Amino acid sequence: MRITKTSITLVLTFGLWLGLVLACSSLRKAADEKRAEREGAPITISAEDLYKAYESSEADADKLYQGKIVIVTGTVGTTSTPDEGMGRPAIILVDAHQKPIVNCFGFATDDKGAISKLKTGQKVTVKGKAMGKVMTDVPVLEDSVLQ
């Protein structure tokens, strides 16, 4: 009798655990779908074109890009891979004259290794959320991910 109760308890516990995992998965999927619907499909653009759009008319560029997911291809100028607890990795994309044109911030600390291997002048593609010109003279991407 005791073995039966233990088996039933074990089955019930596993069932509840499985239900919780599936429910969390469904909630996360729904949240991701709502975010994608709100932000729309990613916009692919070169770093130079994004910079030029903001130089031409910041207000118009904000309407087109701010808050949206963009996939930006450009040239690596500098990278930052701070020590643990000192911030998150970043990449500054530059033009042909090494002038900064897009700041890419908010990379996961897991990207630190890949970012540290990037070389100045290397072409790179970054996906992130366009934030407009936030405390800088150039467009900023947040929650960036190397592509």
C-alpha atoms as a PDB file:
ATOM      1  CA  MET A   1       0.000   0.000   0.000  1.00  0.00           C
ATOM      2  CA  ARG A   2       2.837   2.343   0.856  1.00  0.00           C
ATOM      3  CA  ILE A   3       4.508   1.757  -2.529  1.00  0.00           C
ATOM      4  CA  THR A   4       1.246   2.631  -4.298  1.00  0.00           C
ATOM      5  CA  LYS A   5       0.922   5.938  -2.408  1.00  0.00           C
ATOM      6  CA  THR A   6       4.547   6.813  -3.170  1.00  0.00           C
ATOM      7  CA  SER A   7       4.037   5.988  -6.855  1.00  0.00           C
ATOM      8  CA  ILE A   8       0.874   8.077  -7.018  1.00  0.00           C
ATOM      9  CA  THR A   9       2.614  10.998  -5.286  1.00  0.00           C
ATOM     10  CA  LEU A  10       5.537  10.717  -7.679  1.00  0.00           C
ATOM     11  CA  VAL A  11       3.260  10.651 -10.742  1.00  0.00           C
ATOM     12  CA  LEU A  12       1.245  13.632  -9.458  1.00  0.00           C
ATOM     13  CA  THR A  13       4.403  15.615  -8.697  1.00  0.00           C
ATOM     14  CA  PHE A  14       5.832  14.901 -12.145  1.00  0.00           C
ATOM     15  CA  GLY A  15       2.503  15.822 -13.763  1.00  0.00           C
ATOM     16  CA  LEU A  16       2.359  19.146 -11.925  1.00  0.00           C
ATOM     17  CA  TRP A  17       5.982  19.886 -12.802  1.00  0.00           C
ATOM     18  CA  LEU A  18       5.369  19.075 -16.476  1.00  0.00           C
ATOM     19  CA  GLY A  19       2.238  21.252 -16.510  1.00  0.00           C
ATOM     20  CA  LEU A  20       4.182  24.149 -15.002  1.00  0.00           C
ATOM     21  CA  VAL A  21       6.966  23.827 -17.578  1.00  0.00           C
ATOM     22  CA  LEU A  22       4.484  23.731 -20.461  1.00  0.00           C
ATOM     23  CA  ALA A  23       2.529  26.687 -19.097  1.00  0.00           C
ATOM     24  CA  CYS A  24       5.687  28.804 -18.731  1.00  0.00           C
ATOM     25  CA  SER A  25       6.730  27.861 -22.239  1.00  0.00           C
ATOM     26  CA  SER A  26       3.339  28.892 -23.621  1.00  0.00           C
ATOM     27  CA  LEU A  27       3.415  32.219 -21.768  1.00  0.00           C
ATOM     28  CA  ARG A  28       6.916  32.994 -23.030  1.00  0.00           C
ATOM     29  CA  LYS A  29       5.947  32.114 -26.600  1.00  0.00           C
ATOM     30  CA  ALA A  30       2.876  34.353 -26.376  1.00  0.00           C
ATOM     31  CA  ALA A  31       4.967  37.226 -24.994  1.00  0.00           C
ATOM     32  CA  ASP A  32       7.540  36.791 -27.783  1.00  0.00           C
ATOM     33  CA  GLU A  33       4.772  36.789 -30.400  1.00  0.00           C
ATOM     34  CA  LYS A  34       3.245  39.977 -28.967  1.00  0.00           C
ATOM     35  CA  ARG A  35       6.659  41.663 -28.920  1.00  0.00           C
ATOM     36  CA  ALA A  36       7.329  40.634 -32.530  1.00  0.00           C
ATOM     37  CA  GLU A  37       3.880  41.886 -33.563  1.00  0.00           C
ATOM     38  CA  ARG A  38       4.444  45.199 -31.771  1.00  0.00           C
ATOM     39  CA  GLU A  39       7.948  45.705 -33.186  1.00  0.00           C
ATOM     40  CA  GLY A  40       7.212  44.306 -36.632  1.00  0.00           C
ATOM     41  CA  ALA A  41       9.570  42.409 -38.883  1.00  0.00           C
ATOM     42  CA  PRO A  42      13.239  43.322 -38.523  1.00  0.00           C
ATOM     43  CA  ILE A  43      14.460  46.105 -40.804  1.00  0.00           C
ATOM     44  CA  THR A  44      17.723  45.399 -42.627  1.00  0.00           C
ATOM     45  CA  ILE A  45      19.898  48.458 -43.238  1.00  0.00           C
ATOM     46  CA  SER A  46      23.570  49.378 -43.529  1.00  0.00           C
ATOM     47  CA  ALA A  47      25.189  51.331 -40.714  1.00  0.00           C
ATOM     48  CA  GLU A  48      25.927  54.133 -43.182  1.00  0.00           C
ATOM     49  CA  ASP A  49      22.295  54.389 -44.305  1.00  0.00           C
ATOM     50  CA  LEU A  50      21.009  54.374 -40.727  1.00  0.00           C
ATOM     51  CA  TYR A  51      23.442  57.129 -39.809  1.00  0.00           C
ATOM     52  CA  LYS A  52      22.517  59.178 -42.905  1.00  0.00           C
ATOM     53  CA  ALA A  53      18.799  58.834 -42.089  1.00  0.00           C
ATOM     54  CA  TYR A  54      19.420  60.292 -38.626  1.00  0.00           C
ATOM     55  CA  GLU A  55      21.662  63.038 -39.986  1.00  0.00           C
ATOM     56  CA  SER A  56      19.051  63.979 -42.587  1.00  0.00           C
ATOM     57  CA  SER A  57      16.097  64.164 -40.185  1.00  0.00           C
ATOM     58  CA  GLU A  58      16.216  62.753 -36.687  1.00  0.00           C
ATOM     59  CA  ALA A  59      12.435  63.052 -36.287  1.00  0.00           C
ATOM     60  CA  ASP A  60      11.725  61.165 -39.526  1.00  0.00           C
ATOM     61  CA  ALA A  61      14.331  58.523 -38.715  1.00  0.00           C
ATOM     62  CA  ASP A  62      12.817  58.020 -35.261  1.00  0.00           C
ATOM     63  CA  LYS A  63       9.420  57.388 -36.893  1.00  0.00           C
ATOM     64  CA  LEU A  64      10.959  54.751 -39.144  1.00  0.00           C
ATOM     65  CA  TYR A  65      13.343  53.007 -36.759  1.00  0.00           C
ATOM     66  CA  GLN A  66      12.979  53.926 -33.094  1.00  0.00           C
ATOM     67  CA  GLY A  67      11.702  51.011 -31.010  1.00  0.00           C
ATOM     68  CA  LYS A  68      11.963  48.616 -33.933  1.00  0.00           C
ATOM     69  CA  ILE A  69      14.300  45.683 -34.434  1.00  0.00           C
ATOM     70  CA  VAL A  70      16.958  46.456 -37.027  1.00  0.00           C
ATOM     71  CA  ILE A  71      19.666  44.339 -38.584  1.00  0.00           C
ATOM     72  CA  VAL A  72      22.640  46.603 -39.248  1.00  0.00           C
ATOM     73  CA  THR A  73      25.737  45.702 -41.241  1.00  0.00           C
ATOM     74  CA  GLY A  74      28.798  47.872 -40.833  1.00  0.00           C
ATOM     75  CA  THR A  75      32.497  48.137 -40.122  1.00  0.00           C
ATOM     76  CA  VAL A  76      33.918  47.521 -36.655  1.00  0.00           C
ATOM     77  CA  GLY A  77      35.666  50.550 -35.222  1.00  0.00           C
ATOM     78  CA  THR A  78      36.130  49.625 -31.584  1.00  0.00           C
ATOM     79  CA  THR A  79      34.849  46.986 -29.232  1.00  0.00           C
ATOM     80  CA  SER A  80      34.442  46.892 -25.496  1.00  0.00           C
ATOM     81  CA  THR A  81      34.498  43.693 -23.461  1.00  0.00           C
ATOM     82  CA  PRO A  82      34.515  44.823 -19.814  1.00  0.00           C
ATOM     83  CA  ASP A  83      35.430  42.524 -16.958  1.00  0.00           C
ATOM     84  CA  GLU A  84      32.664  40.614 -15.186  1.00  0.00           C
ATOM     85  CA  GLY A  85      30.337  42.970 -13.330  1.00  0.00           C
ATOM     86  CA  MET A  86      31.751  46.071 -15.044  1.00  0.00           C
ATOM     87  CA  GLY A  87      29.179  46.365 -17.817  1.00  0.00           C
ATOM     88  CA  ARG A  88      28.213  44.555 -20.976  1.00  0.00           C
ATOM     89  CA  PRO A  89      30.087  44.212 -24.277  1.00  0.00           C
ATOM     90  CA  ALA A  90      29.640  46.867 -26.985  1.00  0.00           C
ATOM     91  CA  ILE A  91      30.638  47.520 -30.600  1.00  0.00           C
ATOM     92  CA  ILE A  92      31.055  50.895 -32.290  1.00  0.00           C
ATOM     93  CA  LEU A  93      30.501  50.810 -36.060  1.00  0.00           C
ATOM     94  CA  VAL A  94      32.431  53.373 -38.107  1.00  0.00           C
ATOM     95  CA  ASP A  95      32.491  54.876 -41.596  1.00  0.00           C
ATOM     96  CA  ALA A  96      35.423  54.845 -44.044  1.00  0.00           C
ATOM     97  CA  HIS A  97      37.072  57.710 -42.108  1.00  0.00           C
ATOM     98  CA  GLN A  98      36.823  55.820 -38.768  1.00  0.00           C
ATOM     99  CA  LYS A  99      34.106  58.200 -37.571  1.00  0.00           C
ATOM    100  CA  PRO A 100      31.595  56.469 -35.240  1.00  0.00           C
ATOM    101  CA  ILE A 101      28.209  56.098 -36.938  1.00  0.00           C
ATOM    102  CA  VAL A 102      26.293  53.468 -34.886  1.00  0.00           C
ATOM    103  CA  ASN A 103      26.727  52.394 -31.252  1.00  0.00           C
ATOM    104  CA  CYS A 104      25.687  48.797 -30.510  1.00  0.00           C
ATOM    105  CA  PHE A 105      25.132  48.160 -26.795  1.00  0.00           C
ATOM    106  CA  GLY A 106      23.520  45.607 -24.535  1.00  0.00           C
ATOM    107  CA  PHE A 107      25.170  42.447 -25.808  1.00  0.00           C
ATOM    108  CA  ALA A 108      24.847  39.442 -23.523  1.00  0.00           C
ATOM    109  CA  THR A 109      27.971  38.676 -21.525  1.00  0.00           C
ATOM    110  CA  ASP A 110      28.007  35.337 -23.394  1.00  0.00           C
ATOM    111  CA  ASP A 111      28.954  37.317 -26.543  1.00  0.00           C
ATOM    112  CA  LYS A 112      32.109  38.667 -24.892  1.00  0.00           C
ATOM    113  CA  GLY A 113      34.356  36.008 -26.467  1.00  0.00           C
ATOM    114  CA  ALA A 114      33.039  36.546 -29.993  1.00  0.00           C
ATOM    115  CA  ILE A 115      33.214  40.337 -29.652  1.00  0.00           C
ATOM    116  CA  SER A 116      36.778  40.234 -28.333  1.00  0.00           C
ATOM    117  CA  LYS A 117      37.822  38.371 -31.525  1.00  0.00           C
ATOM    118  CA  LEU A 118      36.499  41.120 -33.832  1.00  0.00           C
ATOM    119  CA  LYS A 119      39.128  43.227 -35.574  1.00  0.00           C
ATOM    120  CA  THR A 120      38.997  46.898 -36.506  1.00  0.00           C
ATOM    121  CA  GLY A 121      37.832  47.184 -40.117  1.00  0.00           C
ATOM    122  CA  GLN A 122      36.009  43.846 -40.072  1.00  0.00           C
ATOM    123  CA  LYS A 123      32.465  43.732 -41.469  1.00  0.00           C
ATOM    124  CA  VAL A 124      29.882  42.662 -38.919  1.00  0.00           C
ATOM    125  CA  THR A 125      26.108  42.336 -38.730  1.00  0.00           C
ATOM    126  CA  VAL A 126      24.293  43.231 -35.521  1.00  0.00           C
ATOM    127  CA  LYS A 127      20.617  42.817 -34.670  1.00  0.00           C
ATOM    128  CA  GLY A 128      19.192  45.102 -32.011  1.00  0.00           C
ATOM    129  CA  LYS A 129      16.464  47.490 -30.977  1.00  0.00           C
ATOM    130  CA  ALA A 130      16.912  50.970 -32.462  1.00  0.00           C
ATOM    131  CA  MET A 131      16.802  53.605 -29.738  1.00  0.00           C
ATOM    132  CA  GLY A 132      17.479  56.713 -31.811  1.00  0.00           C
ATOM    133  CA  LYS A 133      20.167  59.126 -30.644  1.00  0.00           C
ATOM    134  CA  VAL A 134      20.353  58.434 -26.928  1.00  0.00           C
ATOM    135  CA  MET A 135      22.964  60.641 -25.222  1.00  0.00           C
ATOM    136  CA  THR A 136      25.152  60.422 -28.365  1.00  0.00           C
ATOM    137  CA  ASP A 137      25.420  62.030 -31.779  1.00  0.00           C
ATOM    138  CA  VAL A 138      24.846  58.701 -33.540  1.00  0.00           C
ATOM    139  CA  PRO A 139      22.059  56.098 -33.590  1.00  0.00           C
ATOM    140  CA  VAL A 140      22.122  53.516 -30.814  1.00  0.00           C
ATOM    141  CA  LEU A 141      21.108  49.860 -30.838  1.00  0.00           C
ATOM    142  CA  GLU A 142      20.173  48.222 -27.532  1.00  0.00           C
ATOM    143  CA  ASP A 143      19.816  44.508 -26.695  1.00  0.00           C
ATOM    144  CA  SER A 144      22.269  43.801 -29.503  1.00  0.00           C
ATOM    145  CA  VAL A 145      23.085  40.338 -30.824  1.00  0.00           C
ATOM    146  CA  LEU A 146      25.833  39.353 -33.276  1.00  0.00           C
ATOM    147  CA  GLN A 147      24.404  37.768 -36.419  1.00  0.00           C
END
